[in-house]
Amino acid sequence: AWYKYGALPGQAGDAVFDGHVDNGLALPGVFKQLGEIVLGDDIYIQTESGVRLHFVVSDIQQYPYQEVPMEKIVSKEGSPRLSIITCEGAWVQGEKTYDHRLVVSANLVS
């Protein structure tokens, strides 16, 4: 899902996307393989108008799920970036979530 309060892809600031790694029972989600991404990988997004945007992974961070610094991830200022978020780590049954969040950041290539 695209976070509607962030930037649109290609505009100043962070275009934020989040999605499930799985359903908690290991059935794959949209970002099942996000943990395999490495610095320098290419990410392409096609806008609604058909423009293809090229981003390059610049940072990969993992945060405890209750300590994700959203103020660092969601901004409408600065160069165009992507922030892609999914779950990672150990399943916390009582919370019905994983104990960490994986955040992949990528910069727009002009």
N, C-alpha and C. Protein backbone atom coordinates (compact mmCIF):
# COMPACT_ATOMS: atom_id res chain seq x y z
N ALA A 1 0.84 -1.18 0.00
CA ALA A 1 0.00 0.00 0.00
C ALA A 1 0.88 1.24 0.00
N TRP A 2 0.44 2.25 -0.69
CA TRP A 2 1.12 3.54 -0.71
C TRP A 2 0.53 4.38 0.41
N TYR A 3 1.40 5.01 1.20
CA TYR A 3 0.98 5.87 2.30
C TYR A 3 0.58 7.23 1.74
N LYS A 4 -0.71 7.53 1.73
CA LYS A 4 -1.22 8.71 1.05
C LYS A 4 -0.78 10.04 1.67
N TYR A 5 -0.27 10.04 2.90
CA TYR A 5 0.17 11.28 3.51
C TYR A 5 1.65 11.58 3.22
N GLY A 6 2.31 10.67 2.54
CA GLY A 6 3.68 10.90 2.09
C GLY A 6 3.65 11.52 0.70
N ALA A 7 4.81 11.56 0.08
CA ALA A 7 4.92 12.12 -1.27
C ALA A 7 4.47 11.10 -2.31
N LEU A 8 4.17 11.59 -3.49
CA LEU A 8 3.96 10.71 -4.63
C LEU A 8 5.33 10.29 -5.15
N PRO A 9 5.47 9.10 -5.69
CA PRO A 9 6.76 8.69 -6.24
C PRO A 9 7.27 9.71 -7.26
N GLY A 10 8.53 10.12 -7.09
CA GLY A 10 9.14 11.09 -7.98
C GLY A 10 9.04 12.52 -7.51
N GLN A 11 8.18 12.80 -6.53
CA GLN A 11 8.06 14.15 -5.98
C GLN A 11 9.02 14.29 -4.80
N ALA A 12 9.24 15.52 -4.36
CA ALA A 12 10.12 15.79 -3.23
C ALA A 12 9.66 15.01 -2.00
N GLY A 13 10.62 14.45 -1.27
CA GLY A 13 10.32 13.72 -0.05
C GLY A 13 10.18 12.23 -0.28
N ASP A 14 9.59 11.56 0.71
CA ASP A 14 9.49 10.10 0.72
C ASP A 14 8.14 9.60 0.23
N ALA A 15 8.17 8.75 -0.78
CA ALA A 15 6.99 7.98 -1.17
C ALA A 15 7.09 6.68 -0.38
N VAL A 16 6.15 6.46 0.52
CA VAL A 16 6.22 5.34 1.45
C VAL A 16 5.26 4.23 1.01
N PHE A 17 5.80 3.01 0.94
CA PHE A 17 5.01 1.84 0.62
C PHE A 17 5.21 0.82 1.73
N ASP A 18 4.13 0.19 2.16
CA ASP A 18 4.28 -0.89 3.13
C ASP A 18 3.44 -2.08 2.67
N GLY A 19 3.87 -3.25 3.11
CA GLY A 19 3.16 -4.47 2.74
C GLY A 19 3.61 -5.61 3.62
N HIS A 20 2.84 -6.67 3.61
CA HIS A 20 3.13 -7.83 4.44
C HIS A 20 4.26 -8.68 3.88
N VAL A 21 5.05 -9.23 4.80
CA VAL A 21 6.05 -10.22 4.42
C VAL A 21 5.35 -11.58 4.25
N ASP A 22 4.38 -11.84 5.11
CA ASP A 22 3.52 -13.02 5.03
C ASP A 22 2.32 -12.81 5.94
N ASN A 23 1.52 -13.82 6.08
CA ASN A 23 0.30 -13.67 6.89
C ASN A 23 0.47 -14.18 8.32
N GLY A 24 1.71 -14.37 8.76
CA GLY A 24 1.97 -14.91 10.09
C GLY A 24 1.98 -16.42 10.12
N LEU A 25 1.55 -17.03 9.02
CA LEU A 25 1.56 -18.49 8.89
C LEU A 25 2.48 -18.91 7.75
N ALA A 26 3.32 -17.99 7.31
CA ALA A 26 4.31 -18.20 6.26
C ALA A 26 3.75 -18.21 4.85
N LEU A 27 2.46 -17.89 4.66
CA LEU A 27 1.95 -17.72 3.31
C LEU A 27 2.49 -16.39 2.80
N PRO A 28 3.18 -16.38 1.66
CA PRO A 28 3.91 -15.20 1.23
C PRO A 28 3.04 -13.98 0.99
N GLY A 29 3.60 -12.82 1.39
CA GLY A 29 2.99 -11.53 1.13
C GLY A 29 3.76 -10.82 0.03
N VAL A 30 3.33 -9.62 -0.31
CA VAL A 30 3.91 -8.86 -1.41
C VAL A 30 5.41 -8.58 -1.20
N PHE A 31 5.86 -8.43 0.04
CA PHE A 31 7.27 -8.13 0.31
C PHE A 31 8.01 -9.32 0.93
N LYS A 32 7.61 -10.53 0.59
CA LYS A 32 8.24 -11.73 1.12
C LYS A 32 9.75 -11.74 0.88
N GLN A 33 10.20 -11.21 -0.24
CA GLN A 33 11.62 -11.27 -0.58
C GLN A 33 12.34 -9.94 -0.37
N LEU A 34 11.72 -8.98 0.29
CA LEU A 34 12.35 -7.69 0.50
C LEU A 34 13.65 -7.82 1.29
N GLY A 35 13.73 -8.77 2.20
CA GLY A 35 14.94 -8.98 2.99
C GLY A 35 16.14 -9.41 2.17
N GLU A 36 15.94 -9.75 0.91
CA GLU A 36 17.05 -10.16 0.03
C GLU A 36 17.66 -8.97 -0.72
N ILE A 37 17.05 -7.81 -0.63
CA ILE A 37 17.54 -6.64 -1.35
C ILE A 37 18.87 -6.18 -0.74
N VAL A 38 19.72 -5.61 -1.59
CA VAL A 38 21.03 -5.13 -1.12
C VAL A 38 21.25 -3.70 -1.59
N LEU A 39 22.18 -3.02 -0.94
CA LEU A 39 22.54 -1.67 -1.34
C LEU A 39 22.93 -1.65 -2.81
N GLY A 40 22.45 -0.66 -3.53
CA GLY A 40 22.76 -0.52 -4.95
C GLY A 40 21.77 -1.19 -5.87
N ASP A 41 20.84 -1.99 -5.33
CA ASP A 41 19.82 -2.63 -6.18
C ASP A 41 18.93 -1.56 -6.81
N ASP A 42 18.43 -1.88 -7.99
CA ASP A 42 17.52 -0.99 -8.71
C ASP A 42 16.07 -1.30 -8.37
N ILE A 43 15.27 -0.25 -8.26
CA ILE A 43 13.82 -0.38 -8.07
C ILE A 43 13.17 0.53 -9.11
N TYR A 44 12.20 -0.01 -9.83
CA TYR A 44 11.49 0.77 -10.83
C TYR A 44 10.02 0.87 -10.44
N ILE A 45 9.48 2.08 -10.60
CA ILE A 45 8.07 2.30 -10.34
C ILE A 45 7.48 2.95 -11.58
N GLN A 46 6.34 2.43 -12.00
CA GLN A 46 5.64 3.06 -13.11
C GLN A 46 4.48 3.86 -12.54
N THR A 47 4.46 5.15 -12.87
CA THR A 47 3.41 6.02 -12.35
C THR A 47 2.10 5.76 -13.10
N GLU A 48 1.05 6.31 -12.56
CA GLU A 48 -0.27 6.17 -13.19
C GLU A 48 -0.28 6.72 -14.62
N SER A 49 0.55 7.73 -14.86
CA SER A 49 0.61 8.33 -16.21
C SER A 49 1.55 7.57 -17.14
N GLY A 50 2.17 6.48 -16.63
CA GLY A 50 3.02 5.66 -17.48
C GLY A 50 4.50 5.99 -17.43
N VAL A 51 4.90 6.98 -16.65
CA VAL A 51 6.31 7.34 -16.52
C VAL A 51 7.01 6.28 -15.65
N ARG A 52 8.17 5.81 -16.11
CA ARG A 52 8.95 4.81 -15.37
C ARG A 52 10.03 5.53 -14.58
N LEU A 53 9.99 5.42 -13.25
CA LEU A 53 10.96 6.06 -12.36
C LEU A 53 11.97 5.02 -11.89
N HIS A 54 13.23 5.42 -11.86
CA HIS A 54 14.33 4.53 -11.47
C HIS A 54 14.89 5.00 -10.13
N PHE A 55 14.88 4.12 -9.15
CA PHE A 55 15.43 4.38 -7.83
C PHE A 55 16.55 3.38 -7.55
N VAL A 56 17.51 3.78 -6.71
CA VAL A 56 18.60 2.88 -6.31
C VAL A 56 18.62 2.80 -4.79
N VAL A 57 18.68 1.57 -4.27
CA VAL A 57 18.67 1.35 -2.81
C VAL A 57 19.90 1.99 -2.19
N SER A 58 19.65 2.87 -1.20
CA SER A 58 20.72 3.62 -0.55
C SER A 58 20.88 3.29 0.93
N ASP A 59 19.88 2.65 1.53
CA ASP A 59 19.95 2.36 2.97
C ASP A 59 18.99 1.22 3.30
N ILE A 60 19.40 0.37 4.22
CA ILE A 60 18.56 -0.74 4.70
C ILE A 60 18.69 -0.75 6.22
N GLN A 61 17.57 -0.59 6.91
CA GLN A 61 17.57 -0.55 8.37
C GLN A 61 16.53 -1.51 8.93
N GLN A 62 16.77 -1.96 10.15
CA GLN A 62 15.82 -2.80 10.88
C GLN A 62 15.57 -2.13 12.22
N TYR A 63 14.28 -2.03 12.61
CA TYR A 63 13.90 -1.38 13.86
C TYR A 63 12.95 -2.28 14.64
N PRO A 64 13.02 -2.26 15.99
CA PRO A 64 11.98 -2.92 16.77
C PRO A 64 10.62 -2.34 16.36
N TYR A 65 9.61 -3.17 16.26
CA TYR A 65 8.34 -2.74 15.67
C TYR A 65 7.67 -1.58 16.38
N GLN A 66 7.96 -1.37 17.65
CA GLN A 66 7.35 -0.25 18.37
C GLN A 66 8.24 0.99 18.39
N GLU A 67 9.38 0.92 17.68
CA GLU A 67 10.34 2.04 17.71
C GLU A 67 10.73 2.51 16.32
N VAL A 68 9.87 2.33 15.35
CA VAL A 68 10.17 2.78 13.98
C VAL A 68 10.12 4.31 13.96
N PRO A 69 11.21 4.97 13.53
CA PRO A 69 11.24 6.44 13.54
C PRO A 69 10.51 7.03 12.32
N MET A 70 9.20 7.02 12.38
CA MET A 70 8.40 7.47 11.24
C MET A 70 8.73 8.90 10.82
N GLU A 71 9.16 9.74 11.76
CA GLU A 71 9.51 11.12 11.41
C GLU A 71 10.72 11.16 10.47
N LYS A 72 11.55 10.12 10.47
CA LYS A 72 12.69 10.04 9.56
C LYS A 72 12.28 9.43 8.22
N ILE A 73 11.20 8.68 8.22
CA ILE A 73 10.79 7.92 7.04
C ILE A 73 9.78 8.67 6.18
N VAL A 74 8.93 9.45 6.81
CA VAL A 74 7.87 10.15 6.08
C VAL A 74 8.17 11.64 6.06
N SER A 75 8.55 12.14 4.90
CA SER A 75 8.84 13.55 4.73
C SER A 75 8.38 13.98 3.34
N LYS A 76 7.93 15.20 3.24
CA LYS A 76 7.57 15.75 1.93
C LYS A 76 8.62 16.77 1.50
N GLU A 77 9.80 16.68 2.08
CA GLU A 77 10.89 17.60 1.76
C GLU A 77 12.11 16.81 1.31
N GLY A 78 12.99 17.49 0.60
CA GLY A 78 14.24 16.87 0.16
C GLY A 78 14.08 16.17 -1.18
N SER A 79 15.12 15.49 -1.57
CA SER A 79 15.14 14.78 -2.85
C SER A 79 14.10 13.67 -2.87
N PRO A 80 13.61 13.29 -4.05
CA PRO A 80 12.64 12.19 -4.15
C PRO A 80 13.26 10.86 -3.69
N ARG A 81 12.56 10.17 -2.81
CA ARG A 81 13.01 8.89 -2.26
C ARG A 81 11.84 7.93 -2.16
N LEU A 82 12.20 6.67 -2.04
CA LEU A 82 11.22 5.63 -1.68
C LEU A 82 11.57 5.13 -0.29
N SER A 83 10.57 4.82 0.49
CA SER A 83 10.74 4.10 1.75
C SER A 83 9.79 2.92 1.69
N ILE A 84 10.35 1.73 1.75
CA ILE A 84 9.57 0.50 1.65
C ILE A 84 9.68 -0.23 2.98
N ILE A 85 8.53 -0.57 3.56
CA ILE A 85 8.49 -1.12 4.91
C ILE A 85 7.76 -2.46 4.92
N THR A 86 8.34 -3.43 5.64
CA THR A 86 7.66 -4.70 5.87
C THR A 86 8.07 -5.24 7.24
N CYS A 87 7.45 -6.31 7.65
CA CYS A 87 7.76 -6.96 8.92
C CYS A 87 8.97 -7.87 8.76
N GLU A 88 9.62 -8.12 9.88
CA GLU A 88 10.79 -9.01 9.89
C GLU A 88 11.01 -9.48 11.31
N GLY A 89 11.76 -10.55 11.46
CA GLY A 89 12.13 -11.03 12.78
C GLY A 89 11.27 -12.18 13.26
N ALA A 90 11.05 -12.22 14.58
CA ALA A 90 10.29 -13.30 15.22
C ALA A 90 8.83 -12.92 15.36
N TRP A 91 7.95 -13.89 15.20
CA TRP A 91 6.51 -13.69 15.34
C TRP A 91 6.17 -13.51 16.82
N VAL A 92 5.41 -12.46 17.14
CA VAL A 92 4.95 -12.20 18.50
C VAL A 92 3.47 -12.55 18.53
N GLN A 93 3.16 -13.75 19.01
CA GLN A 93 1.80 -14.27 18.95
C GLN A 93 0.78 -13.35 19.61
N GLY A 94 1.11 -12.84 20.81
CA GLY A 94 0.17 -11.99 21.53
C GLY A 94 -0.16 -10.69 20.81
N GLU A 95 0.77 -10.21 20.00
CA GLU A 95 0.57 -8.96 19.25
C GLU A 95 0.14 -9.22 17.81
N LYS A 96 0.25 -10.49 17.39
CA LYS A 96 -0.06 -10.88 16.01
C LYS A 96 0.72 -10.05 14.99
N THR A 97 2.03 -9.92 15.27
CA THR A 97 2.93 -9.20 14.37
C THR A 97 4.35 -9.71 14.58
N TYR A 98 5.22 -9.31 13.70
CA TYR A 98 6.64 -9.61 13.87
C TYR A 98 7.27 -8.55 14.75
N ASP A 99 8.42 -8.88 15.35
CA ASP A 99 9.02 -7.98 16.33
C ASP A 99 9.91 -6.88 15.73
N HIS A 100 10.11 -6.88 14.43
CA HIS A 100 10.91 -5.84 13.79
C HIS A 100 10.27 -5.38 12.48
N ARG A 101 10.72 -4.21 12.04
CA ARG A 101 10.32 -3.68 10.74
C ARG A 101 11.57 -3.46 9.91
N LEU A 102 11.51 -3.91 8.68
CA LEU A 102 12.58 -3.70 7.72
C LEU A 102 12.21 -2.46 6.91
N VAL A 103 13.13 -1.49 6.84
CA VAL A 103 12.90 -0.27 6.08
C VAL A 103 14.00 -0.14 5.03
N VAL A 104 13.59 -0.16 3.77
CA VAL A 104 14.50 -0.01 2.64
C VAL A 104 14.28 1.38 2.05
N SER A 105 15.36 2.14 1.93
CA SER A 105 15.30 3.48 1.35
C SER A 105 16.00 3.48 0.01
N ALA A 106 15.45 4.23 -0.95
CA ALA A 106 16.04 4.31 -2.27
C ALA A 106 15.91 5.74 -2.80
N ASN A 107 16.93 6.19 -3.53
CA ASN A 107 16.95 7.53 -4.10
C ASN A 107 16.62 7.49 -5.58
N LEU A 108 15.93 8.53 -6.05
CA LEU A 108 15.60 8.66 -7.46
C LEU A 108 16.86 8.95 -8.26
N VAL A 109 17.02 8.24 -9.37
CA VAL A 109 18.12 8.48 -10.29
C VAL A 109 17.60 9.41 -11.37
N SER A 110 18.31 10.52 -11.60
CA SER A 110 17.80 11.45 -12.62
C SER A 110 18.19 11.03 -14.01
